[in-house]
Amino acid sequence: MRRHLSNSVVCLHRYGVYGIALRSEIPLSLPEMRGGALGEITLRRGTSQFFTRALKGATLTGSSDWCQYADLEDGSSFMRWNSLGEFLVPAGGREIVALAEAGASMESFQVYLLGQALSFALVKQGLEPLHGTAVVAGHGAIVLLGDSGFGKSTLAASLMQAGYPLLTDDLLVARQNGRGVEAYPGPPRIKLFPKPARRFLGSAGGAAMNPTTHKQIIPIEGARRCATPVRLSAIYVLAAPSEMRRQRRVVIETLTAREAFLALIRHTFNTVIDDRGRLARQLEQTARLVESVPVRKLCYPRSLSRLGEVRDAILADSQKTYERTA
């Protein structure tokens, strides 16, 4: 039996994020949706009774007590982050039911709602989010791809300091159309540790991302962010921190089609959904993306003082790529 809340719930807000129209009865720190959308999702408030009924007989899995998942019999996906909240995404990905933990900050709750939880809805609707952060240069969106801790947001903050606005942080939705591949704006915030936040954005601090990290959620407003889709210009896959610790100079290498394909598959945002239909679609969409957008590997010294040099190398390389392909 399909589990959902009553359709009588009135959704007072219609937000836009990642190209999706998000109809929500929960106020969120998002802009209103304008123009067409890749899809639509309804966000509803859950109750503890709703989640107790939904999880009856379900088996929870997860790498730790902090984060837990469950695949339910009706095709729904459940996820919980202890001390923050729990979420349920029905089959089809048209709804998200959410319940914040008592005492959880709204900023932290929204990070997990608009990142991990929303990624389940995106995948169920046929979109394949990547684990990437993007800024906008004059020739298009520059994507920094990598796992958590690889330095995507810190490098993006360095680019923002130089006047290049943020498009999205951590989760990237890119879609092919008649104009090429477009990357869509995410929530107006970036997640940074205090030191790079002060150095590059002049931020005195923000809400904690979660109880297990010192990362902060920094709101991004005005000219520091881009709120419209942008043509994707280039993708830079960040080397692992263990590899970059031995690095003495900035190195940008062009990946072969096979290497680029494997890198994009490895850096999907959602690794939990692994049914055959999703995997086949992911392979197909990734192959088309590799054919359309240059993918490079980026290695650089792991030092805040060297990020200006890294930034300049990325900008020069992406400009040359644009001139060759324009």
Protein backbone atom coordinates (compact mmCIF):
# COMPACT_ATOMS: atom_id res chain seq x y z
CA MET A 1 0.00 0.00 0.00
CA ARG A 2 1.36 3.41 -0.93
CA ARG A 3 2.10 5.53 2.11
CA HIS A 4 1.58 9.29 1.87
CA LEU A 5 0.01 12.19 3.68
CA SER A 6 -3.41 13.54 2.89
CA ASN A 7 -3.74 15.36 -0.43
CA SER A 8 -5.71 18.02 1.43
CA VAL A 9 -2.45 19.56 2.67
CA VAL A 10 -2.11 23.03 1.19
CA CYS A 11 1.38 23.85 -0.16
CA LEU A 12 1.85 27.57 0.24
CA HIS A 13 5.24 27.91 -1.45
CA ARG A 14 6.61 27.07 -4.90
CA TYR A 15 10.38 27.20 -4.86
CA GLY A 16 12.99 26.55 -7.52
CA VAL A 17 16.13 24.46 -6.95
CA TYR A 18 18.25 22.34 -9.33
CA GLY A 19 15.76 23.16 -12.07
CA ILE A 20 12.96 21.50 -10.07
CA ALA A 21 9.73 23.17 -8.93
CA LEU A 22 9.43 22.37 -5.23
CA ARG A 23 5.90 22.83 -3.85
CA SER A 24 6.26 23.04 -0.10
CA GLU A 25 4.22 23.64 3.00
CA ILE A 26 7.53 24.13 4.86
CA PRO A 27 9.13 27.59 4.46
CA LEU A 28 12.61 27.20 2.94
CA SER A 29 15.54 29.49 2.16
CA LEU A 30 15.02 29.20 -1.59
CA PRO A 31 13.96 31.55 -4.40
CA GLU A 32 10.56 31.27 -6.00
CA MET A 33 10.34 29.10 -9.12
CA ARG A 34 10.24 31.11 -12.32
CA GLY A 35 9.81 29.70 -15.81
CA GLY A 36 9.74 26.04 -16.80
CA ALA A 37 10.97 23.16 -14.67
CA LEU A 38 12.61 19.79 -15.26
CA GLY A 39 10.10 18.26 -12.85
CA GLU A 40 8.00 18.94 -9.78
CA ILE A 41 8.23 17.66 -6.21
CA THR A 42 5.79 18.22 -3.36
CA LEU A 43 7.30 18.59 0.11
CA ARG A 44 4.98 17.63 2.97
CA ARG A 45 5.35 17.71 6.73
CA GLY A 46 5.53 14.29 8.33
CA THR A 47 4.59 13.22 11.83
CA SER A 48 6.21 10.70 14.16
CA GLN A 49 3.11 8.52 13.79
CA PHE A 50 3.42 8.59 10.00
CA PHE A 51 7.03 7.43 10.09
CA THR A 52 6.30 4.75 12.71
CA ARG A 53 3.61 3.27 10.44
CA ALA A 54 5.77 3.59 7.31
CA LEU A 55 8.73 1.79 8.93
CA LYS A 56 6.76 -1.10 10.41
CA GLY A 57 8.65 -4.28 9.47
CA ALA A 58 11.38 -2.38 7.60
CA THR A 59 15.07 -3.19 7.96
CA LEU A 60 17.31 -0.17 8.46
CA THR A 61 20.82 -0.14 7.04
CA GLY A 62 23.66 2.34 7.32
CA SER A 63 27.37 2.68 7.99
CA SER A 64 26.73 4.14 11.45
CA ASP A 65 24.01 5.19 13.89
CA TRP A 66 24.30 8.72 12.46
CA CYS A 67 22.76 7.84 9.07
CA GLN A 68 20.23 5.09 8.27
CA TYR A 69 18.34 4.01 5.14
CA ALA A 70 15.56 1.58 4.26
CA ASP A 71 13.92 0.40 1.05
CA LEU A 72 10.22 -0.11 1.75
CA GLU A 73 7.95 -2.68 0.13
CA ASP A 74 5.94 -0.09 -1.82
CA GLY A 75 9.06 1.29 -3.53
CA SER A 76 9.55 4.18 -1.11
CA SER A 77 12.98 5.15 0.21
CA PHE A 78 13.46 6.15 3.85
CA MET A 79 16.45 8.00 5.28
CA ARG A 80 17.26 9.37 8.75
CA TRP A 81 20.06 11.53 10.12
CA ASN A 82 19.99 11.32 13.88
CA SER A 83 19.44 14.65 15.66
CA LEU A 84 18.49 16.30 12.31
CA GLY A 85 15.47 14.63 10.76
CA GLU A 86 13.92 11.82 8.77
CA PHE A 87 12.57 11.69 5.23
CA LEU A 88 10.52 9.41 3.01
CA VAL A 89 10.48 9.55 -0.80
CA PRO A 90 7.72 7.47 -2.43
CA ALA A 91 8.24 5.55 -5.66
CA GLY A 92 8.25 7.94 -8.60
CA GLY A 93 9.98 10.70 -6.64
CA ARG A 94 7.06 13.16 -6.81
CA GLU A 95 6.90 13.73 -3.05
CA ILE A 96 9.16 14.07 -0.03
CA VAL A 97 7.73 13.65 3.46
CA ALA A 98 9.98 15.30 6.05
CA LEU A 99 10.13 15.60 9.82
CA ALA A 100 12.77 17.67 11.61
CA GLU A 101 14.10 16.45 14.96
CA ALA A 102 13.26 18.61 17.95
CA GLY A 103 16.13 21.01 18.47
CA ALA A 104 17.58 20.63 14.97
CA SER A 105 18.54 23.91 13.32
CA MET A 106 16.52 24.79 10.23
CA GLU A 107 19.75 25.45 8.31
CA SER A 108 21.10 21.94 9.00
CA PHE A 109 17.73 20.34 8.29
CA GLN A 110 17.57 22.08 4.92
CA VAL A 111 21.08 20.92 3.97
CA TYR A 112 20.03 17.28 4.27
CA LEU A 113 16.57 17.85 2.84
CA LEU A 114 17.87 19.70 -0.24
CA GLY A 115 20.88 17.45 -0.67
CA GLN A 116 20.72 13.80 0.32
CA ALA A 117 16.93 13.45 0.63
CA LEU A 118 16.18 15.39 -2.55
CA SER A 119 18.72 13.29 -4.48
CA PHE A 120 16.46 10.26 -3.99
CA ALA A 121 13.56 12.13 -5.58
CA LEU A 122 15.77 13.34 -8.45
CA VAL A 123 17.00 9.82 -9.22
CA LYS A 124 13.48 8.38 -9.05
CA GLN A 125 12.43 11.06 -11.59
CA GLY A 126 15.22 10.08 -13.98
CA LEU A 127 17.77 12.80 -13.16
CA GLU A 128 21.35 11.87 -12.24
CA PRO A 129 22.90 14.32 -9.73
CA LEU A 130 26.67 14.54 -9.47
CA HIS A 131 28.76 15.25 -6.37
CA GLY A 132 30.05 18.58 -7.59
CA THR A 133 30.31 22.29 -6.89
CA ALA A 134 30.07 24.85 -9.70
CA VAL A 135 30.94 28.51 -10.23
CA VAL A 136 30.21 30.67 -13.26
CA ALA A 137 32.89 32.24 -15.48
CA GLY A 138 32.25 34.34 -18.56
CA HIS A 139 32.26 31.30 -20.84
CA GLY A 140 30.07 29.04 -18.71
CA ALA A 141 29.87 26.91 -15.58
CA ILE A 142 33.05 25.35 -14.20
CA VAL A 143 32.37 22.19 -12.19
CA LEU A 144 34.62 20.85 -9.43
CA LEU A 145 33.91 17.16 -8.89
CA GLY A 146 34.99 15.14 -5.85
CA ASP A 147 34.03 13.31 -2.70
CA SER A 148 33.44 15.00 0.65
CA GLY A 149 36.72 16.38 1.97
CA PHE A 150 38.33 16.76 -1.47
CA GLY A 151 38.20 20.58 -1.31
CA LYS A 152 35.44 21.42 -3.81
CA SER A 153 33.80 24.12 -1.72
CA THR A 154 37.07 25.68 -0.55
CA LEU A 155 38.33 25.98 -4.13
CA ALA A 156 34.95 27.39 -5.18
CA ALA A 157 35.19 29.98 -2.38
CA SER A 158 38.57 31.07 -3.77
CA LEU A 159 36.94 31.56 -7.18
CA MET A 160 34.08 33.46 -5.56
CA GLN A 161 36.56 35.78 -3.86
CA ALA A 162 37.83 36.67 -7.36
CA GLY A 163 34.30 37.58 -8.49
CA TYR A 164 33.02 34.32 -9.98
CA PRO A 165 29.53 33.58 -8.59
CA LEU A 166 28.47 30.28 -7.08
CA LEU A 167 25.99 28.19 -9.07
CA THR A 168 25.66 25.19 -6.77
CA ASP A 169 27.53 23.57 -3.90
CA ASP A 170 27.88 19.81 -3.43
CA LEU A 171 24.99 18.60 -5.63
CA LEU A 172 24.92 19.28 -9.37
CA VAL A 173 22.09 18.68 -11.83
CA ALA A 174 23.10 18.99 -15.49
CA ARG A 175 20.77 18.36 -18.41
CA GLN A 176 21.34 18.28 -22.16
CA ASN A 177 19.19 20.42 -24.43
CA GLY A 178 19.46 22.13 -27.80
CA ARG A 179 22.02 24.60 -26.42
CA GLY A 180 24.38 21.94 -25.06
CA VAL A 181 24.53 20.87 -21.41
CA GLU A 182 23.06 23.24 -18.83
CA ALA A 183 23.92 23.21 -15.12
CA TYR A 184 21.20 24.32 -12.70
CA PRO A 185 21.44 26.51 -9.59
CA GLY A 186 21.34 24.93 -6.16
CA PRO A 187 20.40 26.46 -2.77
CA PRO A 188 21.97 29.88 -2.05
CA ARG A 189 24.57 28.65 0.42
CA ILE A 190 27.98 27.01 0.64
CA LYS A 191 29.42 24.69 3.30
CA LEU A 192 32.90 25.63 4.54
CA PHE A 193 35.20 25.21 7.50
CA PRO A 194 35.68 28.45 9.47
CA LYS A 195 39.22 29.23 8.26
CA PRO A 196 38.50 29.24 4.48
CA ALA A 197 35.14 30.92 5.14
CA ARG A 198 36.93 33.85 6.79
CA ARG A 199 39.79 33.93 4.29
CA PHE A 200 37.79 33.86 1.06
CA LEU A 201 34.30 35.11 1.94
CA GLY A 202 34.96 37.25 5.01
CA SER A 203 32.33 35.26 6.88
CA ALA A 204 32.28 35.42 10.66
CA GLY A 205 30.49 32.08 10.79
CA GLY A 206 27.24 30.28 10.13
CA ALA A 207 25.12 27.44 11.46
CA ALA A 208 26.86 24.10 12.02
CA MET A 209 26.29 21.63 9.20
CA ASN A 210 25.77 18.73 11.63
CA PRO A 211 26.95 17.67 15.12
CA THR A 212 29.84 15.60 13.71
CA THR A 213 31.73 18.37 11.86
CA HIS A 214 33.00 21.93 12.24
CA LYS A 215 31.78 22.83 8.76
CA GLN A 216 29.47 25.82 8.63
CA ILE A 217 26.55 26.72 6.35
CA ILE A 218 27.29 30.12 4.81
CA PRO A 219 24.38 31.95 3.07
CA ILE A 220 25.30 33.37 -0.35
CA GLU A 221 23.43 36.41 -1.62
CA GLY A 222 23.47 39.04 -4.35
CA ALA A 223 26.22 39.05 -6.95
CA ARG A 224 28.03 36.17 -5.24
CA ARG A 225 25.51 33.66 -6.62
CA CYS A 226 23.95 32.79 -9.96
CA ALA A 227 20.25 31.96 -9.90
CA THR A 228 19.76 30.89 -13.54
CA PRO A 229 20.87 27.82 -15.53
CA VAL A 230 24.28 28.14 -17.20
CA ARG A 231 25.90 26.23 -20.05
CA LEU A 232 28.37 23.73 -18.61
CA SER A 233 31.86 24.57 -19.87
CA ALA A 234 34.22 22.07 -18.21
CA ILE A 235 34.42 19.48 -15.43
CA TYR A 236 37.49 19.19 -13.19
CA VAL A 237 37.81 15.97 -11.19
CA LEU A 238 39.76 16.71 -8.00
CA ALA A 239 42.46 14.23 -7.04
CA ALA A 240 42.14 12.56 -3.65
CA PRO A 241 43.69 14.47 -0.69
CA SER A 242 46.25 11.66 -0.20
CA GLU A 243 47.49 12.22 -3.76
CA MET A 244 47.48 16.01 -3.50
CA ARG A 245 49.54 16.03 -0.30
CA ARG A 246 52.54 14.96 -2.41
CA GLN A 247 51.82 17.58 -5.07
CA ARG A 248 54.20 20.52 -5.49
CA ARG A 249 52.60 22.22 -8.51
CA VAL A 250 49.25 22.58 -10.23
CA VAL A 251 48.67 19.84 -12.81
CA ILE A 252 45.65 19.64 -15.12
CA GLU A 253 45.38 16.49 -17.23
CA THR A 254 42.82 15.66 -19.92
CA LEU A 255 41.09 12.37 -19.14
CA THR A 256 40.40 9.79 -21.81
CA ALA A 257 36.75 9.09 -22.54
CA ARG A 258 36.97 5.91 -20.47
CA GLU A 259 38.67 7.67 -17.53
CA ALA A 260 36.15 10.52 -17.66
CA PHE A 261 33.23 8.08 -17.77
CA LEU A 262 34.48 6.15 -14.73
CA ALA A 263 35.17 9.38 -12.82
CA LEU A 264 31.63 10.68 -13.35
CA ILE A 265 30.11 7.33 -12.39
CA ARG A 266 32.27 7.26 -9.24
CA HIS A 267 31.14 10.77 -8.28
CA THR A 268 27.41 10.27 -8.49
CA PHE A 269 25.70 12.02 -5.59
CA ASN A 270 23.44 9.08 -4.73
CA THR A 271 25.04 5.64 -4.38
CA VAL A 272 22.17 4.06 -2.45
CA ILE A 273 19.68 3.47 -5.28
CA ASP A 274 21.15 0.65 -7.35
CA ASP A 275 18.27 -1.05 -9.16
CA ARG A 276 18.88 -2.20 -12.71
CA GLY A 277 16.78 0.50 -14.35
CA ARG A 278 18.58 3.30 -12.54
CA LEU A 279 22.03 1.89 -13.34
CA ALA A 280 21.22 1.52 -17.04
CA ARG A 281 19.96 5.11 -17.21
CA GLN A 282 22.98 6.36 -15.29
CA LEU A 283 25.37 4.70 -17.73
CA GLU A 284 23.53 6.14 -20.72
CA GLN A 285 23.35 9.70 -19.36
CA THR A 286 26.98 9.64 -18.24
CA ALA A 287 28.16 8.49 -21.67
CA ARG A 288 26.30 11.40 -23.31
CA LEU A 289 27.75 13.88 -20.81
CA VAL A 290 31.31 12.70 -21.47
CA GLU A 291 30.75 13.18 -25.21
CA SER A 292 29.52 16.74 -24.68
CA VAL A 293 31.73 18.28 -21.95
CA PRO A 294 35.54 18.24 -21.46
CA VAL A 295 36.58 16.39 -18.31
CA ARG A 296 39.98 17.06 -16.70
CA LYS A 297 41.82 15.77 -13.64
CA LEU A 298 43.08 18.46 -11.26
CA CYS A 299 45.97 17.97 -8.84
CA TYR A 300 47.31 20.81 -6.72
CA PRO A 301 49.10 21.48 -3.41
CA ARG A 302 46.75 21.30 -0.44
CA SER A 303 47.48 24.78 0.87
CA LEU A 304 45.15 27.77 1.22
CA SER A 305 48.00 30.06 0.23
CA ARG A 306 48.32 28.30 -3.16
CA LEU A 307 44.64 28.42 -4.13
CA GLY A 308 45.02 31.67 -6.05
CA GLU A 309 47.48 29.86 -8.32
CA VAL A 310 45.08 26.93 -8.68
CA ARG A 311 42.21 29.29 -9.46
CA ASP A 312 44.19 31.02 -12.22
CA ALA A 313 45.18 27.69 -13.77
CA ILE A 314 41.55 26.51 -13.87
CA LEU A 315 40.35 29.76 -15.41
CA ALA A 316 43.09 29.74 -18.07
CA ASP A 317 42.48 26.10 -18.95
CA SER A 318 38.68 26.47 -19.13
CA GLN A 319 39.05 29.58 -21.32
CA LYS A 320 41.30 27.70 -23.76
CA THR A 321 38.82 24.83 -23.82
CA TYR A 322 35.99 27.21 -24.57
CA GLU A 323 37.90 28.87 -27.39
CA ARG A 324 38.67 25.48 -28.97
CA THR A 325 35.09 24.26 -28.81
CA ALA A 326 33.16 27.52 -29.47
